[in-house]
Amino acid sequence: MTQKVILGISGSPRPGGNTDTLLRAVLRGAAEARARGPSALVEPAGRPGEKGAGVCGL
């Protein structure tokens, strides 16, 4: 049987935030199902992370 490979990519600018937490939970579940794979946090260069909904006034 071929081993499944999964890649988790998060575009959230908040490491450890809700999206990151959910992604890690999904990857843990995949690992329990005998899939393997890394996760990566992708953030646009030069863009500061979000501070929360409504904080910046936009």
N, C-alpha and C. Protein backbone atom coordinates (compact mmCIF):
# COMPACT_ATOMS: atom_id res chain seq x y z
N MET A 1 0.83 -1.18 0.00
CA MET A 1 0.00 0.00 0.00
C MET A 1 0.88 1.25 0.00
N THR A 2 0.52 2.23 -0.79
CA THR A 2 1.27 3.47 -0.89
C THR A 2 0.96 4.37 0.30
N GLN A 3 2.00 4.98 0.87
CA GLN A 3 1.79 5.89 1.99
C GLN A 3 1.29 7.23 1.46
N LYS A 4 0.27 7.76 2.10
CA LYS A 4 -0.28 9.05 1.70
C LYS A 4 0.57 10.17 2.28
N VAL A 5 0.73 11.21 1.50
CA VAL A 5 1.50 12.37 1.92
C VAL A 5 0.57 13.57 1.90
N ILE A 6 0.60 14.38 2.95
CA ILE A 6 -0.24 15.56 3.04
C ILE A 6 0.64 16.75 3.34
N LEU A 7 0.33 17.89 2.76
CA LEU A 7 1.07 19.13 3.01
C LEU A 7 0.09 20.16 3.53
N GLY A 8 0.33 20.66 4.73
CA GLY A 8 -0.53 21.69 5.31
C GLY A 8 0.11 23.05 5.12
N ILE A 9 -0.61 23.96 4.47
CA ILE A 9 -0.10 25.31 4.24
C ILE A 9 -1.05 26.30 4.89
N SER A 10 -0.52 27.16 5.73
CA SER A 10 -1.31 28.18 6.39
C SER A 10 -0.87 29.55 5.91
N GLY A 11 -1.83 30.36 5.52
CA GLY A 11 -1.55 31.73 5.11
C GLY A 11 -1.86 32.72 6.22
N SER A 12 -2.18 32.21 7.40
CA SER A 12 -2.51 33.07 8.52
C SER A 12 -1.27 33.80 9.01
N PRO A 13 -1.38 35.09 9.26
CA PRO A 13 -0.23 35.84 9.77
C PRO A 13 -0.04 35.70 11.28
N ARG A 14 -0.81 34.81 11.91
CA ARG A 14 -0.73 34.64 13.37
C ARG A 14 -0.31 33.24 13.73
N PRO A 15 1.00 32.97 13.81
CA PRO A 15 1.44 31.64 14.26
C PRO A 15 0.86 31.34 15.64
N GLY A 16 0.30 30.16 15.80
CA GLY A 16 -0.30 29.79 17.08
C GLY A 16 -1.75 30.24 17.20
N GLY A 17 -2.26 30.91 16.18
CA GLY A 17 -3.65 31.37 16.19
C GLY A 17 -4.61 30.24 15.83
N ASN A 18 -5.87 30.59 15.61
CA ASN A 18 -6.90 29.59 15.35
C ASN A 18 -6.61 28.75 14.11
N THR A 19 -6.21 29.39 13.01
CA THR A 19 -5.94 28.66 11.77
C THR A 19 -4.78 27.70 11.96
N ASP A 20 -3.73 28.16 12.60
CA ASP A 20 -2.55 27.33 12.84
C ASP A 20 -2.91 26.15 13.75
N THR A 21 -3.71 26.40 14.76
CA THR A 21 -4.14 25.34 15.68
C THR A 21 -4.97 24.30 14.94
N LEU A 22 -5.89 24.74 14.09
CA LEU A 22 -6.71 23.82 13.31
C LEU A 22 -5.86 23.01 12.35
N LEU A 23 -4.93 23.66 11.67
CA LEU A 23 -4.06 22.95 10.73
C LEU A 23 -3.25 21.87 11.44
N ARG A 24 -2.71 22.18 12.59
CA ARG A 24 -1.93 21.19 13.34
C ARG A 24 -2.80 20.01 13.78
N ALA A 25 -4.05 20.28 14.14
CA ALA A 25 -4.96 19.21 14.52
C ALA A 25 -5.26 18.30 13.33
N VAL A 26 -5.45 18.90 12.16
CA VAL A 26 -5.70 18.10 10.95
C VAL A 26 -4.49 17.24 10.62
N LEU A 27 -3.29 17.81 10.72
CA LEU A 27 -2.08 17.04 10.44
C LEU A 27 -1.87 15.92 11.46
N ARG A 28 -2.23 16.16 12.71
CA ARG A 28 -2.14 15.10 13.72
C ARG A 28 -3.09 13.97 13.37
N GLY A 29 -4.31 14.31 12.95
CA GLY A 29 -5.27 13.29 12.54
C GLY A 29 -4.77 12.51 11.33
N ALA A 30 -4.16 13.21 10.39
CA ALA A 30 -3.60 12.54 9.21
C ALA A 30 -2.49 11.59 9.63
N ALA A 31 -1.67 12.01 10.57
CA ALA A 31 -0.57 11.15 11.05
C ALA A 31 -1.13 9.90 11.72
N GLU A 32 -2.21 10.05 12.47
CA GLU A 32 -2.84 8.90 13.11
C GLU A 32 -3.41 7.93 12.07
N ALA A 33 -3.77 8.46 10.89
CA ALA A 33 -4.28 7.64 9.80
C ALA A 33 -3.14 7.15 8.90
N ARG A 34 -1.92 7.29 9.40
CA ARG A 34 -0.71 6.82 8.72
C ARG A 34 -0.31 7.65 7.50
N ALA A 35 -0.75 8.88 7.45
CA ALA A 35 -0.26 9.79 6.41
C ALA A 35 0.90 10.55 7.04
N ARG A 36 1.73 11.14 6.23
CA ARG A 36 2.84 11.92 6.76
C ARG A 36 2.91 13.23 6.00
N GLY A 37 3.54 14.21 6.60
CA GLY A 37 3.73 15.45 5.89
C GLY A 37 4.00 16.63 6.80
N PRO A 38 4.61 17.65 6.25
CA PRO A 38 4.96 18.85 7.01
C PRO A 38 3.87 19.91 6.92
N SER A 39 4.06 20.96 7.69
CA SER A 39 3.22 22.15 7.55
C SER A 39 4.14 23.33 7.29
N ALA A 40 3.58 24.36 6.67
CA ALA A 40 4.36 25.55 6.35
C ALA A 40 3.52 26.79 6.60
N LEU A 41 4.10 27.79 7.20
CA LEU A 41 3.43 29.07 7.39
C LEU A 41 3.93 30.00 6.29
N VAL A 42 3.01 30.52 5.50
CA VAL A 42 3.36 31.39 4.39
C VAL A 42 2.79 32.78 4.69
N GLU A 43 3.64 33.76 4.76
CA GLU A 43 3.21 35.13 5.01
C GLU A 43 3.84 36.03 3.96
N PRO A 44 3.04 36.90 3.34
CA PRO A 44 3.61 37.82 2.35
C PRO A 44 4.73 38.68 2.95
N ALA A 45 5.79 38.86 2.22
CA ALA A 45 6.93 39.66 2.69
C ALA A 45 6.51 41.11 2.89
N GLY A 46 6.96 41.69 3.96
CA GLY A 46 6.71 43.11 4.21
C GLY A 46 5.32 43.42 4.74
N ARG A 47 4.52 42.42 5.00
CA ARG A 47 3.17 42.67 5.52
C ARG A 47 3.12 42.26 6.98
N PRO A 48 2.84 43.21 7.86
CA PRO A 48 2.78 42.86 9.28
C PRO A 48 1.56 41.96 9.56
N GLY A 49 1.67 41.15 10.58
CA GLY A 49 0.58 40.25 10.93
C GLY A 49 -0.64 40.99 11.44
N GLU A 50 -1.79 40.37 11.27
CA GLU A 50 -3.04 40.92 11.78
C GLU A 50 -3.01 40.91 13.30
N LYS A 51 -3.65 41.87 13.90
CA LYS A 51 -3.70 41.95 15.35
C LYS A 51 -5.06 41.49 15.88
N GLY A 52 -6.03 41.33 14.98
CA GLY A 52 -7.37 40.91 15.38
C GLY A 52 -8.40 41.70 14.62
N ALA A 53 -9.62 41.20 14.59
CA ALA A 53 -10.70 41.84 13.83
C ALA A 53 -10.99 43.24 14.39
N GLY A 54 -10.97 44.24 13.53
CA GLY A 54 -11.34 45.59 13.91
C GLY A 54 -10.26 46.39 14.61
N VAL A 55 -9.10 45.82 14.85
CA VAL A 55 -8.06 46.52 15.60
C VAL A 55 -7.44 47.66 14.78
N CYS A 56 -7.24 47.42 13.47
CA CYS A 56 -6.57 48.44 12.66
C CYS A 56 -7.51 49.50 12.13
N GLY A 57 -8.83 49.33 12.30
CA GLY A 57 -9.77 50.34 11.84
C GLY A 57 -10.17 50.20 10.39
N LEU A 58 -9.76 49.14 9.70
CA LEU A 58 -10.16 48.94 8.31
C LEU A 58 -11.47 48.21 8.21
